């Protein structure tokens, strides 16, 4: 409904079944390091790993050079406002043997697929099981083929 100042926000990755970012700064992205520190109502800001496919990088508003935004399917990721989780994909802290998560009834959908949030979803969630769903109908996500970039950055 209004612009959001991102100065207090971070994106944290729980790499390979570990917990959120923690002391490993390679897995914490501070929005104050971004080009813009606020987004307008309805705006989409796209972040990518700088070594991603050139077609993807061309659609990004900001690239990052660390280990961040690099996924193997068992890497949970969350948007934080201070210490409060606003939205997340996956479940942190499950240990190094965690398998990629199923989404919308698609096994291992967080690995080698593109996940796109349904346009009907207007608020983040911290309940990954509810968000992932068990069928196409009750999931907040659409599971697409790997490297599907069309529509990226639009709602």
N, C-alpha and C. Protein backbone atom coordinates (compact mmCIF):
# COMPACT_ATOMS: atom_id res chain seq x y z
N UNK A 1 0.80 -1.20 0.00
CA UNK A 1 0.00 0.00 0.00
C UNK A 1 0.84 1.26 0.00
N UNK A 2 2.11 1.14 0.45
CA UNK A 2 3.00 2.31 0.46
C UNK A 2 4.44 1.84 0.29
N UNK A 3 5.34 2.79 0.07
CA UNK A 3 6.76 2.47 -0.09
C UNK A 3 7.29 1.82 1.19
N UNK A 4 8.31 0.98 1.03
CA UNK A 4 8.93 0.31 2.16
C UNK A 4 10.41 0.68 2.20
N UNK A 5 10.85 1.20 3.33
CA UNK A 5 12.26 1.49 3.55
C UNK A 5 12.94 0.17 3.92
N UNK A 6 13.96 -0.21 3.20
CA UNK A 6 14.60 -1.52 3.38
C UNK A 6 15.83 -1.49 4.28
N UNK A 7 16.14 -0.37 4.89
CA UNK A 7 17.36 -0.26 5.69
C UNK A 7 17.46 -1.29 6.81
N UNK A 8 16.34 -1.74 7.35
CA UNK A 8 16.36 -2.70 8.46
C UNK A 8 16.19 -4.14 7.98
N UNK A 9 16.12 -4.34 6.66
CA UNK A 9 15.86 -5.66 6.10
C UNK A 9 17.14 -6.37 5.69
N UNK A 10 17.11 -7.69 5.80
CA UNK A 10 18.18 -8.54 5.28
C UNK A 10 17.55 -9.75 4.60
N UNK A 11 18.31 -10.37 3.72
CA UNK A 11 17.95 -11.68 3.19
C UNK A 11 19.01 -12.62 3.74
N UNK A 12 18.57 -13.71 4.35
CA UNK A 12 19.52 -14.65 4.93
C UNK A 12 19.30 -16.04 4.34
N UNK A 13 20.39 -16.72 4.12
CA UNK A 13 20.35 -18.07 3.56
C UNK A 13 20.82 -19.06 4.61
N UNK A 14 20.10 -20.16 4.74
CA UNK A 14 20.49 -21.26 5.62
C UNK A 14 21.09 -22.32 4.70
N UNK A 15 22.37 -22.20 4.45
CA UNK A 15 23.06 -23.03 3.47
C UNK A 15 23.19 -24.47 3.92
N UNK A 16 22.82 -25.40 3.02
CA UNK A 16 22.99 -26.85 3.22
C UNK A 16 22.44 -27.36 4.55
N UNK A 17 21.25 -26.90 4.91
CA UNK A 17 20.58 -27.41 6.11
C UNK A 17 21.00 -26.74 7.40
N UNK A 18 21.86 -25.72 7.32
CA UNK A 18 22.28 -24.99 8.52
C UNK A 18 21.20 -23.98 8.91
N UNK A 19 21.48 -23.21 9.97
CA UNK A 19 20.55 -22.18 10.40
C UNK A 19 20.77 -20.90 9.60
N UNK A 20 19.91 -19.91 9.83
CA UNK A 20 19.98 -18.65 9.10
C UNK A 20 21.35 -18.02 9.24
N UNK A 21 21.79 -17.35 8.18
CA UNK A 21 23.03 -16.61 8.07
C UNK A 21 24.01 -16.65 9.21
N UNK A 22 23.55 -16.38 10.42
CA UNK A 22 24.40 -16.41 11.60
C UNK A 22 25.64 -15.54 11.45
N UNK A 23 26.78 -16.05 11.87
CA UNK A 23 28.00 -15.26 11.82
C UNK A 23 28.66 -15.31 10.45
N UNK A 24 28.17 -16.15 9.55
CA UNK A 24 28.76 -16.26 8.22
C UNK A 24 28.18 -15.17 7.33
N UNK A 25 28.91 -14.08 7.17
CA UNK A 25 28.40 -12.94 6.40
C UNK A 25 28.22 -13.27 4.92
N UNK A 26 28.77 -14.39 4.45
CA UNK A 26 28.54 -14.79 3.06
C UNK A 26 27.08 -15.15 2.82
N UNK A 27 26.33 -15.41 3.88
CA UNK A 27 24.95 -15.84 3.73
C UNK A 27 23.95 -14.83 4.28
N UNK A 28 24.36 -13.56 4.38
CA UNK A 28 23.48 -12.48 4.81
C UNK A 28 23.64 -11.33 3.82
N UNK A 29 22.54 -10.90 3.24
CA UNK A 29 22.55 -9.75 2.34
C UNK A 29 21.83 -8.60 3.04
N UNK A 30 22.52 -7.49 3.23
CA UNK A 30 21.94 -6.29 3.83
C UNK A 30 21.45 -5.37 2.73
N UNK A 31 20.21 -4.97 2.81
CA UNK A 31 19.66 -4.09 1.78
C UNK A 31 20.36 -2.75 1.73
N UNK A 32 21.01 -2.35 2.81
CA UNK A 32 21.74 -1.08 2.78
C UNK A 32 22.89 -1.16 1.79
N UNK A 33 23.29 -2.39 1.39
CA UNK A 33 24.33 -2.57 0.38
C UNK A 33 23.76 -2.51 -1.03
N UNK A 34 22.45 -2.43 -1.16
CA UNK A 34 21.80 -2.43 -2.47
C UNK A 34 21.81 -1.03 -3.07
N UNK A 35 21.51 -0.98 -4.34
CA UNK A 35 21.46 0.29 -5.05
C UNK A 35 20.35 1.17 -4.48
N UNK A 36 19.21 0.57 -4.20
CA UNK A 36 18.08 1.30 -3.64
C UNK A 36 17.80 0.81 -2.24
N UNK A 37 17.45 1.71 -1.34
CA UNK A 37 17.14 1.29 0.02
C UNK A 37 15.65 1.38 0.31
N UNK A 38 14.85 1.58 -0.73
CA UNK A 38 13.40 1.52 -0.57
C UNK A 38 12.78 1.05 -1.88
N UNK A 39 11.60 0.49 -1.76
CA UNK A 39 10.85 0.12 -2.96
C UNK A 39 9.46 0.72 -2.84
N UNK A 40 8.92 1.12 -3.97
CA UNK A 40 7.59 1.70 -4.03
C UNK A 40 6.54 0.60 -3.92
N UNK A 41 5.34 0.99 -3.59
CA UNK A 41 4.23 0.05 -3.53
C UNK A 41 4.09 -0.67 -4.87
N UNK A 42 4.07 -1.98 -4.84
CA UNK A 42 3.90 -2.77 -6.05
C UNK A 42 5.18 -3.01 -6.83
N UNK A 43 6.27 -2.38 -6.44
CA UNK A 43 7.54 -2.55 -7.15
C UNK A 43 8.16 -3.91 -6.82
N UNK A 44 8.88 -4.45 -7.77
CA UNK A 44 9.60 -5.71 -7.60
C UNK A 44 11.08 -5.42 -7.79
N UNK A 45 11.89 -5.95 -6.90
CA UNK A 45 13.33 -5.76 -6.97
C UNK A 45 13.94 -7.14 -7.12
N UNK A 46 14.71 -7.37 -8.17
CA UNK A 46 15.26 -8.69 -8.49
C UNK A 46 16.74 -8.74 -8.16
N UNK A 47 17.13 -9.72 -7.33
CA UNK A 47 18.52 -9.94 -6.94
C UNK A 47 19.02 -11.21 -7.59
N UNK A 48 20.28 -11.22 -8.01
CA UNK A 48 20.87 -12.41 -8.64
C UNK A 48 22.33 -12.56 -8.23
N UNK A 49 22.80 -13.78 -8.31
CA UNK A 49 24.23 -14.04 -8.17
C UNK A 49 24.89 -13.57 -9.46
N UNK A 50 25.99 -12.85 -9.35
CA UNK A 50 26.65 -12.27 -10.51
C UNK A 50 27.09 -13.33 -11.52
N UNK A 51 27.31 -14.57 -11.08
CA UNK A 51 27.75 -15.61 -12.01
C UNK A 51 26.60 -16.43 -12.58
N UNK A 52 25.37 -15.95 -12.41
CA UNK A 52 24.21 -16.63 -13.00
C UNK A 52 24.23 -16.48 -14.52
N UNK A 53 23.37 -17.21 -15.18
CA UNK A 53 23.20 -17.13 -16.62
C UNK A 53 23.03 -15.67 -17.05
N UNK A 54 23.71 -15.27 -18.12
CA UNK A 54 23.69 -13.88 -18.60
C UNK A 54 22.26 -13.38 -18.86
N UNK A 55 21.39 -14.25 -19.36
CA UNK A 55 20.00 -13.85 -19.62
C UNK A 55 19.30 -13.47 -18.31
N UNK A 56 19.61 -14.17 -17.23
CA UNK A 56 19.02 -13.85 -15.93
C UNK A 56 19.63 -12.56 -15.38
N UNK A 57 20.93 -12.45 -15.40
CA UNK A 57 21.61 -11.27 -14.87
C UNK A 57 21.11 -10.00 -15.55
N UNK A 58 20.79 -10.07 -16.82
CA UNK A 58 20.29 -8.91 -17.56
C UNK A 58 18.96 -8.41 -17.00
N UNK A 59 18.23 -9.26 -16.28
CA UNK A 59 16.93 -8.88 -15.72
C UNK A 59 17.01 -8.45 -14.26
N UNK A 60 18.22 -8.43 -13.71
CA UNK A 60 18.41 -8.15 -12.29
C UNK A 60 18.58 -6.67 -12.00
N UNK A 61 18.04 -6.24 -10.85
CA UNK A 61 18.26 -4.88 -10.38
C UNK A 61 19.56 -4.79 -9.60
N UNK A 62 19.97 -5.90 -8.98
CA UNK A 62 21.19 -5.92 -8.17
C UNK A 62 21.79 -7.32 -8.25
N UNK A 63 23.11 -7.38 -8.44
CA UNK A 63 23.81 -8.66 -8.40
C UNK A 63 24.69 -8.69 -7.17
N UNK A 64 25.04 -9.89 -6.75
CA UNK A 64 25.86 -10.07 -5.56
C UNK A 64 26.96 -11.05 -5.90
N UNK A 65 28.15 -10.83 -5.39
CA UNK A 65 29.31 -11.63 -5.80
C UNK A 65 29.71 -12.74 -4.84
N UNK A 66 29.11 -12.83 -3.66
CA UNK A 66 29.52 -13.86 -2.70
C UNK A 66 28.84 -15.19 -2.99
N UNK A 67 28.91 -16.07 -2.04
CA UNK A 67 28.24 -17.37 -2.14
C UNK A 67 26.72 -17.21 -2.11
N UNK A 68 26.28 -16.01 -1.80
CA UNK A 68 24.86 -15.76 -1.66
C UNK A 68 24.13 -15.91 -2.98
N UNK A 69 22.88 -16.30 -2.92
CA UNK A 69 22.03 -16.53 -4.09
C UNK A 69 22.58 -17.66 -4.95
N UNK A 70 23.11 -18.66 -4.32
CA UNK A 70 23.60 -19.87 -4.95
C UNK A 70 22.89 -21.02 -4.26
N UNK A 71 22.16 -21.83 -4.97
CA UNK A 71 21.30 -22.82 -4.33
C UNK A 71 21.53 -24.22 -4.89
N UNK A 72 21.40 -25.20 -4.02
CA UNK A 72 21.49 -26.59 -4.44
C UNK A 72 20.19 -27.33 -4.16
N UNK A 73 19.17 -26.59 -3.76
CA UNK A 73 17.86 -27.20 -3.52
C UNK A 73 17.55 -27.42 -2.06
N UNK A 74 18.58 -27.43 -1.20
CA UNK A 74 18.33 -27.62 0.23
C UNK A 74 18.77 -26.39 1.03
N UNK A 75 18.76 -25.25 0.37
CA UNK A 75 19.17 -24.00 1.00
C UNK A 75 17.94 -23.13 1.26
N UNK A 76 17.54 -23.06 2.52
CA UNK A 76 16.41 -22.20 2.87
C UNK A 76 16.84 -20.75 2.75
N UNK A 77 15.89 -19.87 2.47
CA UNK A 77 16.18 -18.45 2.34
C UNK A 77 15.01 -17.67 2.93
N UNK A 78 15.33 -16.55 3.60
CA UNK A 78 14.26 -15.77 4.24
C UNK A 78 14.54 -14.28 4.14
N UNK A 79 13.46 -13.53 4.13
CA UNK A 79 13.49 -12.08 4.22
C UNK A 79 13.24 -11.72 5.68
N UNK A 80 14.14 -10.95 6.27
CA UNK A 80 14.03 -10.53 7.66
C UNK A 80 13.82 -9.03 7.74
N UNK A 81 13.00 -8.60 8.68
CA UNK A 81 12.90 -7.20 9.07
C UNK A 81 13.48 -7.15 10.48
N UNK A 82 14.72 -6.73 10.60
CA UNK A 82 15.43 -6.83 11.88
C UNK A 82 15.64 -8.31 12.17
N UNK A 83 15.10 -8.79 13.28
CA UNK A 83 15.22 -10.21 13.63
C UNK A 83 13.94 -10.99 13.31
N UNK A 84 12.94 -10.33 12.78
CA UNK A 84 11.65 -10.96 12.47
C UNK A 84 11.63 -11.48 11.04
N UNK A 85 11.31 -12.75 10.87
CA UNK A 85 11.18 -13.32 9.52
C UNK A 85 9.87 -12.85 8.92
N UNK A 86 9.95 -12.31 7.71
CA UNK A 86 8.79 -11.80 6.99
C UNK A 86 8.28 -12.83 5.98
N UNK A 87 9.21 -13.56 5.37
CA UNK A 87 8.86 -14.55 4.34
C UNK A 87 10.01 -15.54 4.22
N UNK A 88 9.68 -16.79 3.89
CA UNK A 88 10.76 -17.76 3.74
C UNK A 88 10.41 -18.86 2.76
N UNK A 89 11.46 -19.46 2.22
CA UNK A 89 11.38 -20.66 1.38
C UNK A 89 12.24 -21.70 2.07
N UNK A 90 11.70 -22.88 2.31
CA UNK A 90 12.44 -23.95 2.94
C UNK A 90 12.45 -23.84 4.46
N UNK A 91 13.12 -24.81 5.08
CA UNK A 91 13.18 -24.90 6.54
C UNK A 91 14.65 -24.97 6.96
N UNK A 92 15.11 -24.01 7.78
CA UNK A 92 16.51 -24.02 8.20
C UNK A 92 16.77 -25.04 9.30
N UNK A 93 18.05 -25.31 9.52
CA UNK A 93 18.46 -26.10 10.68
C UNK A 93 18.12 -27.57 10.64
N UNK A 94 17.93 -28.13 9.46
CA UNK A 94 17.58 -29.55 9.35
C UNK A 94 18.81 -30.44 9.18
N UNK A 95 19.98 -29.85 9.17
CA UNK A 95 21.21 -30.64 9.03
C UNK A 95 21.62 -30.82 7.59
N UNK A 96 22.83 -31.29 7.39
CA UNK A 96 23.41 -31.37 6.05
C UNK A 96 22.79 -32.45 5.16
N UNK A 97 22.02 -33.36 5.72
CA UNK A 97 21.40 -34.42 4.92
C UNK A 97 20.01 -34.05 4.41
N UNK A 98 19.60 -32.79 4.60
CA UNK A 98 18.28 -32.37 4.16
C UNK A 98 18.18 -32.47 2.63
N UNK A 99 17.05 -32.95 2.17
CA UNK A 99 16.78 -33.09 0.74
C UNK A 99 16.05 -31.85 0.23
N UNK A 100 16.10 -31.59 -1.06
CA UNK A 100 15.30 -30.49 -1.62
C UNK A 100 13.82 -30.68 -1.27
N UNK A 101 13.09 -29.59 -1.12
CA UNK A 101 11.70 -29.64 -0.68
C UNK A 101 10.75 -29.82 -1.85
N UNK A 102 9.66 -30.50 -1.58
CA UNK A 102 8.57 -30.63 -2.55
C UNK A 102 7.73 -29.36 -2.50
N UNK A 103 7.21 -28.96 -3.64
CA UNK A 103 6.35 -27.78 -3.74
C UNK A 103 5.22 -28.11 -4.69
N UNK A 104 4.00 -27.83 -4.28
CA UNK A 104 2.81 -28.04 -5.12
C UNK A 104 2.72 -29.49 -5.61
N UNK A 105 3.19 -30.42 -4.78
CA UNK A 105 3.14 -31.83 -5.14
C UNK A 105 4.27 -32.29 -6.04
N UNK A 106 5.20 -31.41 -6.38
CA UNK A 106 6.33 -31.75 -7.24
C UNK A 106 7.52 -32.11 -6.34
N UNK A 107 7.96 -33.37 -6.35
CA UNK A 107 9.09 -33.76 -5.51
C UNK A 107 10.36 -32.98 -5.87
N UNK A 108 11.13 -32.61 -4.86
CA UNK A 108 12.41 -31.89 -5.04
C UNK A 108 12.26 -30.64 -5.91
N UNK A 109 11.17 -29.94 -5.77
CA UNK A 109 10.89 -28.77 -6.61
C UNK A 109 11.85 -27.62 -6.36
N UNK A 110 12.48 -27.58 -5.18
CA UNK A 110 13.42 -26.50 -4.91
C UNK A 110 14.78 -26.75 -5.54
N UNK A 111 14.90 -27.86 -6.25
CA UNK A 111 16.14 -28.18 -6.97
C UNK A 111 15.83 -28.27 -8.46
N UNK A 112 16.58 -27.57 -9.27
CA UNK A 112 16.48 -27.64 -10.74
C UNK A 112 15.08 -27.30 -11.27
N UNK A 113 14.42 -26.35 -10.62
CA UNK A 113 13.14 -25.82 -11.07
C UNK A 113 13.14 -24.31 -10.83
N UNK A 114 12.21 -23.64 -11.45
CA UNK A 114 11.96 -22.24 -11.15
C UNK A 114 10.67 -22.18 -10.36
N UNK A 115 10.68 -21.49 -9.22
CA UNK A 115 9.48 -21.30 -8.42
C UNK A 115 8.99 -19.88 -8.62
N UNK A 116 7.73 -19.73 -8.92
CA UNK A 116 7.13 -18.41 -9.11
C UNK A 116 5.95 -18.29 -8.16
N UNK A 117 5.93 -17.23 -7.37
CA UNK A 117 4.83 -17.01 -6.43
C UNK A 117 3.58 -16.67 -7.21
N UNK A 118 2.48 -17.25 -6.82
CA UNK A 118 1.20 -16.94 -7.47
C UNK A 118 0.84 -15.48 -7.22
N UNK A 119 0.23 -14.85 -8.21
CA UNK A 119 -0.12 -13.43 -8.10
C UNK A 119 -1.18 -13.18 -7.03
N UNK A 120 -1.87 -14.22 -6.60
CA UNK A 120 -2.89 -14.06 -5.56
C UNK A 120 -2.27 -13.93 -4.17
N UNK A 121 -1.00 -14.24 -4.03
CA UNK A 121 -0.31 -14.15 -2.74
C UNK A 121 0.17 -12.72 -2.56
N UNK A 122 -0.31 -12.06 -1.51
CA UNK A 122 0.02 -10.65 -1.31
C UNK A 122 0.79 -10.41 -0.01
N UNK A 123 1.10 -11.48 0.72
CA UNK A 123 1.82 -11.34 1.98
C UNK A 123 2.72 -12.54 2.17
N UNK A 124 3.89 -12.30 2.76
CA UNK A 124 4.82 -13.39 3.03
C UNK A 124 4.31 -14.31 4.13
N UNK A 125 4.99 -15.44 4.29
CA UNK A 125 4.63 -16.39 5.34
C UNK A 125 5.88 -17.03 5.91
N UNK A 126 5.80 -17.42 7.16
CA UNK A 126 6.91 -18.15 7.79
C UNK A 126 6.58 -19.63 7.91
N UNK A 127 5.43 -20.03 7.40
CA UNK A 127 5.01 -21.43 7.43
C UNK A 127 5.29 -22.05 6.07
N UNK A 128 6.50 -22.60 5.91
CA UNK A 128 6.90 -23.15 4.62
C UNK A 128 6.00 -24.28 4.17
N UNK A 129 5.60 -25.17 5.06
CA UNK A 129 4.74 -26.29 4.67
C UNK A 129 3.43 -25.78 4.07
N UNK A 130 2.84 -24.77 4.68
CA UNK A 130 1.60 -24.19 4.16
C UNK A 130 1.85 -23.50 2.82
N UNK A 131 2.93 -22.74 2.73
CA UNK A 131 3.27 -22.03 1.50
C UNK A 131 3.55 -23.00 0.35
N UNK A 132 4.35 -24.04 0.62
CA UNK A 132 4.70 -25.02 -0.41
C UNK A 132 3.49 -25.81 -0.87
N UNK A 133 2.59 -26.11 0.07
CA UNK A 133 1.40 -26.89 -0.27
C UNK A 133 1.74 -28.31 -0.68
N UNK A 134 0.71 -29.05 -0.98
CA UNK A 134 0.87 -30.44 -1.40
C UNK A 134 0.32 -30.68 -2.79
N UNK A 135 -0.42 -29.70 -3.31
CA UNK A 135 -0.98 -29.79 -4.66
C UNK A 135 -0.82 -28.44 -5.35
N UNK A 136 -1.04 -28.43 -6.64
CA UNK A 136 -0.98 -27.19 -7.40
C UNK A 136 -2.01 -26.18 -6.88
N UNK A 137 -3.14 -26.68 -6.43
CA UNK A 137 -4.22 -25.81 -5.98
C UNK A 137 -3.93 -25.16 -4.62
N UNK A 138 -3.34 -25.91 -3.67
CA UNK A 138 -3.17 -25.34 -2.33
C UNK A 138 -1.77 -24.77 -2.09
N UNK A 139 -0.94 -24.73 -3.09
CA UNK A 139 0.39 -24.15 -2.97
C UNK A 139 0.35 -22.67 -3.31
N UNK A 140 1.25 -21.89 -2.70
CA UNK A 140 1.40 -20.48 -3.05
C UNK A 140 2.31 -20.31 -4.26
N UNK A 141 2.81 -21.41 -4.80
CA UNK A 141 3.84 -21.39 -5.83
C UNK A 141 3.42 -22.12 -7.09
N UNK A 142 3.99 -21.67 -8.20
CA UNK A 142 3.87 -22.38 -9.47
C UNK A 142 5.27 -22.93 -9.74
N UNK A 143 5.35 -24.22 -10.02
CA UNK A 143 6.64 -24.86 -10.30
C UNK A 143 6.82 -24.91 -11.81
N UNK A 144 7.90 -24.29 -12.28
CA UNK A 144 8.19 -24.20 -13.70
C UNK A 144 9.50 -24.92 -14.01
N UNK A 145 9.78 -25.08 -15.28
CA UNK A 145 11.04 -25.70 -15.70
C UNK A 145 12.21 -24.85 -15.25
N UNK A 146 13.35 -25.47 -15.04
CA UNK A 146 14.58 -24.79 -14.65
C UNK A 146 14.88 -23.66 -15.64
N UNK A 147 15.37 -22.55 -15.12
CA UNK A 147 15.78 -21.40 -15.93
C UNK A 147 14.65 -20.78 -16.74
N UNK A 148 13.46 -20.72 -16.16
CA UNK A 148 12.33 -20.02 -16.80
C UNK A 148 12.39 -18.57 -16.33
N UNK A 149 12.79 -17.66 -17.22
CA UNK A 149 13.00 -16.26 -16.85
C UNK A 149 11.88 -15.34 -17.33
N UNK A 150 11.04 -15.81 -18.25
CA UNK A 150 9.98 -14.92 -18.73
C UNK A 150 9.07 -14.53 -17.56
N UNK A 151 8.70 -13.30 -17.52
CA UNK A 151 7.84 -12.80 -16.45
C UNK A 151 8.59 -12.38 -15.19
N UNK A 152 9.91 -12.61 -15.14
CA UNK A 152 10.69 -12.23 -13.97
C UNK A 152 10.63 -10.71 -13.78
N UNK A 153 10.34 -10.28 -12.58
CA UNK A 153 10.28 -8.85 -12.28
C UNK A 153 8.92 -8.23 -12.53
N UNK A 154 7.93 -9.04 -12.89
CA UNK A 154 6.57 -8.53 -13.08
C UNK A 154 5.64 -9.23 -12.11
N UNK A 155 4.49 -8.66 -11.91
CA UNK A 155 3.51 -9.26 -10.99
C UNK A 155 2.20 -9.34 -11.71
